[in-house]
PDB file of N, CA and C in Angstrom:
ATOM      1  N   MET A   1     220.361   6.161 226.282  1.00  0.00           N
ATOM      2  CA  MET A   1     220.446   5.135 227.167  1.00  0.00           C
ATOM      3  C   MET A   1     219.952   5.690 228.580  1.00  0.00           C
ATOM      4  N   ILE A   2     219.337   4.863 229.281  1.00  0.00           N
ATOM      5  CA  ILE A   2     218.885   5.171 230.559  1.00  0.00           C
ATOM      6  C   ILE A   2     219.850   4.693 231.568  1.00  0.00           C
ATOM      7  N   PHE A   3     220.262   5.531 232.578  1.00  0.00           N
ATOM      8  CA  PHE A   3     221.198   5.111 233.628  1.00  0.00           C
ATOM      9  C   PHE A   3     220.457   5.364 234.940  1.00  0.00           C
ATOM     10  N   ILE A   4     220.490   4.380 235.782  1.00  0.00           N
ATOM     11  CA  ILE A   4     219.912   4.483 237.129  1.00  0.00           C
ATOM     12  C   ILE A   4     220.999   4.162 238.108  1.00  0.00           C
ATOM     13  N   THR A   5     221.265   5.137 239.124  1.00  0.00           N
ATOM     14  CA  THR A   5     222.364   4.815 240.021  1.00  0.00           C
ATOM     15  C   THR A   5     221.730   4.504 241.425  1.00  0.00           C
ATOM     16  N   THR A   6     222.143   3.404 242.061  1.00  0.00           N
ATOM     17  CA  THR A   6     221.642   3.077 243.347  1.00  0.00           C
ATOM     18  C   THR A   6     222.785   2.759 244.293  1.00  0.00           C
ATOM     19  N   LYS A   7     222.487   2.686 245.612  1.00  0.00           N
ATOM     20  CA  LYS A   7     223.588   2.329 246.525  1.00  0.00           C
ATOM     21  C   LYS A   7     224.176   1.057 246.157  1.00  0.00           C
ATOM     22  N   ASP A   8     223.278   0.057 245.860  1.00  0.00           N
ATOM     23  CA  ASP A   8     223.792  -1.322 245.614  1.00  0.00           C
ATOM     24  C   ASP A   8     224.347  -1.549 244.206  1.00  0.00           C
ATOM     25  N   HIS A   9     224.143  -0.674 243.343  1.00  0.00           N
ATOM     26  CA  HIS A   9     224.657  -0.833 241.910  1.00  0.00           C
ATOM     27  C   HIS A   9     225.359   0.547 241.572  1.00  0.00           C
ATOM     28  N   ALA A  10     226.650   0.441 241.322  1.00  0.00           N
ATOM     29  CA  ALA A  10     227.446   1.609 240.976  1.00  0.00           C
ATOM     30  C   ALA A  10     226.834   2.405 239.945  1.00  0.00           C
ATOM     31  N   LYS A  11     226.448   1.694 238.783  1.00  0.00           N
ATOM     32  CA  LYS A  11     225.814   2.258 237.681  1.00  0.00           C
ATOM     33  C   LYS A  11     225.032   1.215 236.998  1.00  0.00           C
ATOM     34  N   ALA A  12     223.715   1.321 236.790  1.00  0.00           N
ATOM     35  CA  ALA A  12     222.884   0.399 236.114  1.00  0.00           C
ATOM     36  C   ALA A  12     222.464   1.018 234.885  1.00  0.00           C
ATOM     37  N   SER A  13     222.650   0.323 233.702  1.00  0.00           N
ATOM     38  CA  SER A  13     222.358   0.910 232.496  1.00  0.00           C
ATOM     39  C   SER A  13     221.040   0.168 231.998  1.00  0.00           C
ATOM     40  N   LYS A  14     220.568   0.467 230.777  1.00  0.00           N
ATOM     41  CA  LYS A  14     219.365  -0.204 230.188  1.00  0.00           C
ATOM     42  C   LYS A  14     219.441  -1.619 230.278  1.00  0.00           C
ATOM     43  N   SER A  15     220.629  -2.263 230.055  1.00  0.00           N
ATOM     44  CA  SER A  15     220.790  -3.605 230.018  1.00  0.00           C
ATOM     45  C   SER A  15     221.028  -4.329 231.405  1.00  0.00           C
ATOM     46  N   SER A  16     221.161  -3.468 232.421  1.00  0.00           N
ATOM     47  CA  SER A  16     221.305  -4.090 233.758  1.00  0.00           C
ATOM     48  C   SER A  16     220.624  -3.236 234.774  1.00  0.00           C
ATOM     49  N   LEU A  17     219.430  -3.077 234.796  1.00  0.00           N
ATOM     50  CA  LEU A  17     218.594  -2.307 235.705  1.00  0.00           C
ATOM     51  C   LEU A  17     218.534  -3.173 237.012  1.00  0.00           C
ATOM     52  N   PRO A  18     218.396  -2.543 238.127  1.00  0.00           N
ATOM     53  CA  PRO A  18     218.362  -3.226 239.429  1.00  0.00           C
ATOM     54  C   PRO A  18     217.293  -4.211 239.472  1.00  0.00           C
ATOM     55  N   LYS A  19     217.449  -5.518 239.975  1.00  0.00           N
ATOM     56  CA  LYS A  19     216.518  -6.472 239.988  1.00  0.00           C
ATOM     57  C   LYS A  19     215.528  -6.348 241.172  1.00  0.00           C
ATOM     58  N   GLY A  20     214.306  -6.691 240.967  1.00  0.00           N
ATOM     59  CA  GLY A  20     213.324  -6.587 242.114  1.00  0.00           C
ATOM     60  C   GLY A  20     212.702  -5.250 242.229  1.00  0.00           C
ATOM     61  N   VAL A  21     213.022  -4.317 241.364  1.00  0.00           N
ATOM     62  CA  VAL A  21     212.429  -2.893 241.554  1.00  0.00           C
ATOM     63  C   VAL A  21     211.201  -2.964 240.688  1.00  0.00           C
ATOM     64  N   TYR A  22     210.247  -2.180 241.218  1.00  0.00           N
ATOM     65  CA  TYR A  22     208.907  -2.156 240.693  1.00  0.00           C
ATOM     66  C   TYR A  22     208.965  -0.852 239.783  1.00  0.00           C
ATOM     67  N   TYR A  23     208.481  -1.098 238.492  1.00  0.00           N
ATOM     68  CA  TYR A  23     208.533   0.041 237.549  1.00  0.00           C
ATOM     69  C   TYR A  23     207.160   0.586 237.236  1.00  0.00           C
ATOM     70  N   ILE A  24     206.990   1.862 237.280  1.00  0.00           N
ATOM     71  CA  ILE A  24     205.662   2.480 236.913  1.00  0.00           C
ATOM     72  C   ILE A  24     205.994   3.633 235.872  1.00  0.00           C
ATOM     73  N   ILE A  25     205.159   3.515 234.762  1.00  0.00           N
ATOM     74  CA  ILE A  25     205.255   4.534 233.771  1.00  0.00           C
ATOM     75  C   ILE A  25     203.862   5.160 233.678  1.00  0.00           C
ATOM     76  N   ASP A  26     203.782   6.519 233.896  1.00  0.00           N
ATOM     77  CA  ASP A  26     202.528   7.182 233.907  1.00  0.00           C
ATOM     78  C   ASP A  26     201.416   6.474 234.629  1.00  0.00           C
ATOM     79  N   GLY A  27     201.723   5.976 235.822  1.00  0.00           N
ATOM     80  CA  GLY A  27     200.727   5.360 236.781  1.00  0.00           C
ATOM     81  C   GLY A  27     200.471   3.884 236.518  1.00  0.00           C
ATOM     82  N   LYS A  28     201.141   3.349 235.520  1.00  0.00           N
ATOM     83  CA  LYS A  28     200.826   1.827 235.147  1.00  0.00           C
ATOM     84  C   LYS A  28     202.010   1.059 235.325  1.00  0.00           C
ATOM     85  N   GLU A  29     201.901  -0.165 235.935  1.00  0.00           N
ATOM     86  CA  GLU A  29     202.978  -1.018 236.250  1.00  0.00           C
ATOM     87  C   GLU A  29     203.460  -1.618 234.975  1.00  0.00           C
ATOM     88  N   VAL A  30     204.802  -1.616 234.649  1.00  0.00           N
ATOM     89  CA  VAL A  30     205.426  -2.090 233.512  1.00  0.00           C
ATOM     90  C   VAL A  30     206.570  -3.024 233.837  1.00  0.00           C
ATOM     91  N   SER A  31     206.978  -3.806 232.837  1.00  0.00           N
ATOM     92  CA  SER A  31     208.164  -4.641 232.978  1.00  0.00           C
ATOM     93  C   SER A  31     209.439  -3.978 232.779  1.00  0.00           C
ATOM     94  N   GLU A  32     210.539  -4.556 233.151  1.00  0.00           N
ATOM     95  CA  GLU A  32     211.785  -4.064 232.971  1.00  0.00           C
ATOM     96  C   GLU A  32     212.082  -3.912 231.434  1.00  0.00           C
ATOM     97  N   GLN A  33     211.558  -4.793 230.616  1.00  0.00           N
ATOM     98  CA  GLN A  33     211.782  -4.725 229.169  1.00  0.00           C
ATOM     99  C   GLN A  33     211.075  -3.424 228.591  1.00  0.00           C
ATOM    100  N   VAL A  34     209.925  -3.095 229.199  1.00  0.00           N
ATOM    101  CA  VAL A  34     209.314  -1.849 228.680  1.00  0.00           C
ATOM    102  C   VAL A  34     210.155  -0.626 229.037  1.00  0.00           C
ATOM    103  N   VAL A  35     210.748  -0.646 230.240  1.00  0.00           N
ATOM    104  CA  VAL A  35     211.557   0.516 230.729  1.00  0.00           C
ATOM    105  C   VAL A  35     212.826   0.501 229.718  1.00  0.00           C
ATOM    106  N   GLN A  36     213.367  -0.561 229.399  1.00  0.00           N
ATOM    107  CA  GLN A  36     214.485  -0.549 228.559  1.00  0.00           C
ATOM    108  C   GLN A  36     214.255  -0.015 227.215  1.00  0.00           C
ATOM    109  N   ALA A  37     213.070  -0.155 226.723  1.00  0.00           N
ATOM    110  CA  ALA A  37     212.604   0.293 225.325  1.00  0.00           C
ATOM    111  C   ALA A  37     212.302   1.750 225.250  1.00  0.00           C
ATOM    112  N   ILE A  38     212.269   2.519 226.477  1.00  0.00           N
ATOM    113  CA  ILE A  38     211.810   3.940 226.426  1.00  0.00           C
ATOM    114  C   ILE A  38     213.022   4.750 225.821  1.00  0.00           C
ATOM    115  N   ASP A  39     212.615   5.608 224.911  1.00  0.00           N
ATOM    116  CA  ASP A  39     213.543   6.683 224.482  1.00  0.00           C
ATOM    117  C   ASP A  39     213.762   7.659 225.573  1.00  0.00           C
ATOM    118  N   PRO A  40     214.912   7.898 226.023  1.00  0.00           N
ATOM    119  CA  PRO A  40     215.198   8.829 227.044  1.00  0.00           C
ATOM    120  C   PRO A  40     214.660  10.244 226.774  1.00  0.00           C
ATOM    121  N   ASN A  41     214.595  10.544 225.510  1.00  0.00           N
ATOM    122  CA  ASN A  41     214.061  11.858 225.115  1.00  0.00           C
ATOM    123  C   ASN A  41     212.485  12.058 225.446  1.00  0.00           C
ATOM    124  N   HIS A  42     211.887  10.942 225.666  1.00  0.00           N
ATOM    125  CA  HIS A  42     210.442  10.993 225.998  1.00  0.00           C
ATOM    126  C   HIS A  42     210.213  11.137 227.567  1.00  0.00           C
ATOM    127  N   ILE A  43     211.277  11.066 228.311  1.00  0.00           N
ATOM    128  CA  ILE A  43     211.165  11.200 229.778  1.00  0.00           C
ATOM    129  C   ILE A  43     210.975  12.579 230.260  1.00  0.00           C
ATOM    130  N   GLU A  44     209.961  12.872 231.036  1.00  0.00           N
ATOM    131  CA  GLU A  44     209.797  14.146 231.655  1.00  0.00           C
ATOM    132  C   GLU A  44     210.430  14.209 233.032  1.00  0.00           C
ATOM    133  N   ARG A  45     210.260  13.127 233.724  1.00  0.00           N
ATOM    134  CA  ARG A  45     210.650  13.104 235.100  1.00  0.00           C
ATOM    135  C   ARG A  45     210.835  11.638 235.601  1.00  0.00           C
ATOM    136  N   ILE A  46     211.798  11.301 236.488  1.00  0.00           N
ATOM    137  CA  ILE A  46     211.939  10.085 237.141  1.00  0.00           C
ATOM    138  C   ILE A  46     211.901  10.263 238.619  1.00  0.00           C
ATOM    139  N   ASP A  47     211.112   9.535 239.396  1.00  0.00           N
ATOM    140  CA  ASP A  47     211.172   9.584 240.811  1.00  0.00           C
ATOM    141  C   ASP A  47     211.479   8.138 241.323  1.00  0.00           C
ATOM    142  N   ILE A  48     212.312   8.200 242.439  1.00  0.00           N
ATOM    143  CA  ILE A  48     212.665   6.909 243.019  1.00  0.00           C
ATOM    144  C   ILE A  48     212.073   6.935 244.427  1.00  0.00           C
ATOM    145  N   LEU A  49     211.298   5.891 244.725  1.00  0.00           N
ATOM    146  CA  LEU A  49     210.694   5.641 246.009  1.00  0.00           C
ATOM    147  C   LEU A  49     211.399   4.542 246.703  1.00  0.00           C
ATOM    148  N   LYS A  50     211.690   4.478 247.907  1.00  0.00           N
ATOM    149  CA  LYS A  50     212.220   3.383 248.562  1.00  0.00           C
ATOM    150  C   LYS A  50     211.853   3.242 249.965  1.00  0.00           C
ATOM    151  N   GLY A  51     212.044   2.062 250.549  1.00  0.00           N
ATOM    152  CA  GLY A  51     211.563   1.907 251.918  1.00  0.00           C
ATOM    153  C   GLY A  51     210.104   1.969 252.174  1.00  0.00           C
ATOM    154  N   GLU A  52     209.814   2.657 253.245  1.00  0.00           N
ATOM    155  CA  GLU A  52     208.361   2.754 253.745  1.00  0.00           C
ATOM    156  C   GLU A  52     207.522   3.487 252.804  1.00  0.00           C
ATOM    157  N   LYS A  53     208.088   4.596 252.063  1.00  0.00           N
ATOM    158  CA  LYS A  53     207.292   5.327 251.101  1.00  0.00           C
ATOM    159  C   LYS A  53     206.811   4.451 250.002  1.00  0.00           C
ATOM    160  N   ALA A  54     207.703   3.478 249.452  1.00  0.00           N
ATOM    161  CA  ALA A  54     207.415   2.697 248.377  1.00  0.00           C
ATOM    162  C   ALA A  54     206.299   1.586 248.786  1.00  0.00           C
ATOM    163  N   THR A  55     206.507   1.034 249.888  1.00  0.00           N
ATOM    164  CA  THR A  55     205.616   0.072 250.347  1.00  0.00           C
ATOM    165  C   THR A  55     204.160   0.616 250.728  1.00  0.00           C
ATOM    166  N   GLN A  56     204.188   1.814 251.283  1.00  0.00           N
ATOM    167  CA  GLN A  56     202.932   2.442 251.587  1.00  0.00           C
ATOM    168  C   GLN A  56     202.077   2.770 250.341  1.00  0.00           C
ATOM    169  N   LYS A  57     202.835   3.170 249.313  1.00  0.00           N
ATOM    170  CA  LYS A  57     202.097   3.575 248.107  1.00  0.00           C
ATOM    171  C   LYS A  57     201.785   2.374 247.231  1.00  0.00           C
ATOM    172  N   TYR A  58     202.656   1.331 247.157  1.00  0.00           N
ATOM    173  CA  TYR A  58     202.419   0.283 246.164  1.00  0.00           C
ATOM    174  C   TYR A  58     202.345  -1.073 246.824  1.00  0.00           C
ATOM    175  N   GLY A  59     202.528  -1.289 248.183  1.00  0.00           N
ATOM    176  CA  GLY A  59     202.315  -2.456 248.813  1.00  0.00           C
ATOM    177  C   GLY A  59     203.697  -3.248 248.847  1.00  0.00           C
ATOM    178  N   GLU A  60     203.570  -4.489 249.277  1.00  0.00           N
ATOM    179  CA  GLU A  60     204.838  -5.367 249.512  1.00  0.00           C
ATOM    180  C   GLU A  60     205.559  -5.566 248.153  1.00  0.00           C
ATOM    181  N   LYS A  61     204.916  -5.606 247.053  1.00  0.00           N
ATOM    182  CA  LYS A  61     205.524  -5.832 245.756  1.00  0.00           C
ATOM    183  C   LYS A  61     206.623  -4.780 245.462  1.00  0.00           C
ATOM    184  N   ALA A  62     206.468  -3.691 246.168  1.00  0.00           N
ATOM    185  CA  ALA A  62     207.552  -2.637 246.004  1.00  0.00           C
ATOM    186  C   ALA A  62     208.551  -2.549 247.103  1.00  0.00           C
ATOM    187  N   ASN A  63     208.668  -3.593 247.842  1.00  0.00           N
ATOM    188  CA  ASN A  63     209.635  -3.669 248.900  1.00  0.00           C
ATOM    189  C   ASN A  63     211.172  -3.443 248.469  1.00  0.00           C
ATOM    190  N   GLN A  64     211.450  -3.608 247.213  1.00  0.00           N
ATOM    191  CA  GLN A  64     212.830  -3.321 246.750  1.00  0.00           C
ATOM    192  C   GLN A  64     212.906  -2.035 246.095  1.00  0.00           C
ATOM    193  N   GLY A  65     211.896  -1.172 246.190  1.00  0.00           N
ATOM    194  CA  GLY A  65     211.943   0.131 245.547  1.00  0.00           C
ATOM    195  C   GLY A  65     211.141   0.289 244.391  1.00  0.00           C
ATOM    196  N   VAL A  66     210.792   1.496 244.009  1.00  0.00           N
ATOM    197  CA  VAL A  66     209.933   1.855 242.870  1.00  0.00           C
ATOM    198  C   VAL A  66     210.628   2.980 242.022  1.00  0.00           C
ATOM    199  N   VAL A  67     210.649   2.721 240.791  1.00  0.00           N
ATOM    200  CA  VAL A  67     211.061   3.730 239.828  1.00  0.00           C
ATOM    201  C   VAL A  67     209.768   4.213 239.058  1.00  0.00           C
ATOM    202  N   GLU A  68     209.434   5.501 239.342  1.00  0.00           N
ATOM    203  CA  GLU A  68     208.185   6.119 238.753  1.00  0.00           C
ATOM    204  C   GLU A  68     208.679   6.987 237.539  1.00  0.00           C
ATOM    205  N   ILE A  69     208.219   6.695 236.417  1.00  0.00           N
ATOM    206  CA  ILE A  69     208.619   7.406 235.172  1.00  0.00           C
ATOM    207  C   ILE A  69     207.430   8.195 234.660  1.00  0.00           C
ATOM    208  N   THR A  70     207.571   9.502 234.482  1.00  0.00           N
ATOM    209  CA  THR A  70     206.542  10.269 233.813  1.00  0.00           C
ATOM    210  C   THR A  70     207.012  10.606 232.465  1.00  0.00           C
ATOM    211  N   LEU A  71     206.278  10.389 231.405  1.00  0.00           N
ATOM    212  CA  LEU A  71     206.719  10.678 230.098  1.00  0.00           C
ATOM    213  C   LEU A  71     206.266  12.121 229.676  1.00  0.00           C
ATOM    214  N   LYS A  72     206.899  12.694 228.760  1.00  0.00           N
ATOM    215  CA  LYS A  72     206.484  14.034 228.183  1.00  0.00           C
ATOM    216  C   LYS A  72     205.171  14.015 227.530  1.00  0.00           C
ATOM    217  N   ARG A  73     204.937  12.908 226.812  1.00  0.00           N
ATOM    218  CA  ARG A  73     203.684  12.642 226.095  1.00  0.00           C
ATOM    219  C   ARG A  73     203.150  11.299 226.538  1.00  0.00           C
ATOM    220  N   LYS A  74     201.915  11.127 226.500  1.00  0.00           N
ATOM    221  CA  LYS A  74     201.305   9.866 226.851  1.00  0.00           C
ATOM    222  C   LYS A  74     201.682   8.832 225.709  1.00  0.00           C
ATOM    223  N   ILE A  75     202.397   7.835 226.087  1.00  0.00           N
ATOM    224  CA  ILE A  75     202.882   6.793 225.048  1.00  0.00           C
ATOM    225  C   ILE A  75     202.492   5.485 225.599  1.00  0.00           C
ATOM    226  N   ASN A  76     201.801   4.686 224.782  1.00  0.00           N
ATOM    227  CA  ASN A  76     201.515   3.405 225.089  1.00  0.00           C
ATOM    228  C   ASN A  76     202.697   2.488 224.655  1.00  0.00           C
ATOM    229  N   PRO A  77     203.446   2.009 225.658  1.00  0.00           N
ATOM    230  CA  PRO A  77     204.786   1.425 225.379  1.00  0.00           C
ATOM    231  C   PRO A  77     204.609   0.088 224.607  1.00  0.00           C
ATOM    232  N   TYR A  78     203.361  -0.490 224.707  1.00  0.00           N
ATOM    233  CA  TYR A  78     203.125  -1.817 224.031  1.00  0.00           C
ATOM    234  C   TYR A  78     202.800  -1.622 222.532  1.00  0.00           C
ATOM    235  N   SER A  79     202.262  -0.515 222.204  1.00  0.00           N
ATOM    236  CA  SER A  79     201.906  -0.324 220.802  1.00  0.00           C
ATOM    237  C   SER A  79     202.614   0.877 220.155  1.00  0.00           C
ATOM    238  N   GLN A  80     203.455   1.561 220.950  1.00  0.00           N
ATOM    239  CA  GLN A  80     204.160   2.815 220.506  1.00  0.00           C
ATOM    240  C   GLN A  80     203.164   3.872 220.016  1.00  0.00           C
ATOM    241  N   GLU A  81     201.872   3.771 220.532  1.00  0.00           N
ATOM    242  CA  GLU A  81     200.906   4.861 220.206  1.00  0.00           C
ATOM    243  C   GLU A  81     201.184   6.057 221.049  1.00  0.00           C
ATOM    244  N   VAL A  82     201.205   7.235 220.419  1.00  0.00           N
ATOM    245  CA  VAL A  82     201.537   8.516 221.128  1.00  0.00           C
ATOM    246  C   VAL A  82     200.274   9.332 221.167  1.00  0.00           C
ATOM    247  N   GLN A  83     199.964   9.878 222.326  1.00  0.00           N
ATOM    248  CA  GLN A  83     198.852  10.806 222.359  1.00  0.00           C
ATOM    249  C   GLN A  83     199.385  11.999 223.249  1.00  0.00           C
ATOM    250  N   GLU A  84     199.006  13.280 222.791  1.00  0.00           N
ATOM    251  CA  GLU A  84     199.404  14.372 223.585  1.00  0.00           C
ATOM    252  C   GLU A  84     198.717  14.413 224.894  1.00  0.00           C
ATOM    253  N   ARG A  85     199.373  14.895 225.894  1.00  0.00           N
ATOM    254  CA  ARG A  85     198.856  15.026 227.223  1.00  0.00           C
ATOM    255  C   ARG A  85     197.850  16.122 227.314  1.00  0.00           C
ATOM    256  N   ARG A  86     196.812  16.001 228.149  1.00  0.00           N
ATOM    257  CA  ARG A  86     195.826  17.062 228.302  1.00  0.00           C
ATOM    258  C   ARG A  86     196.089  17.894 229.429  1.00  0.00           C
TER     259      ARG A  86
END
């Protein structure tokens, strides 16, 4: 299960991720449903961007913050295709 803690949410789990947040997996925009489907064992790193840093990097669509997820292996979340990172 993925847990994301924010100031506005005491604890957000897979079923209740913060609304309005922009999600990026391996450089590609994804929906909340894709984030919820991620196996936590596949996650290498999670970065949280907020405020000016988020909007400078991703524009106004990221004004509620950004969750950048880097996977251990390159995984296509739409087809579950797995490829080793180069």
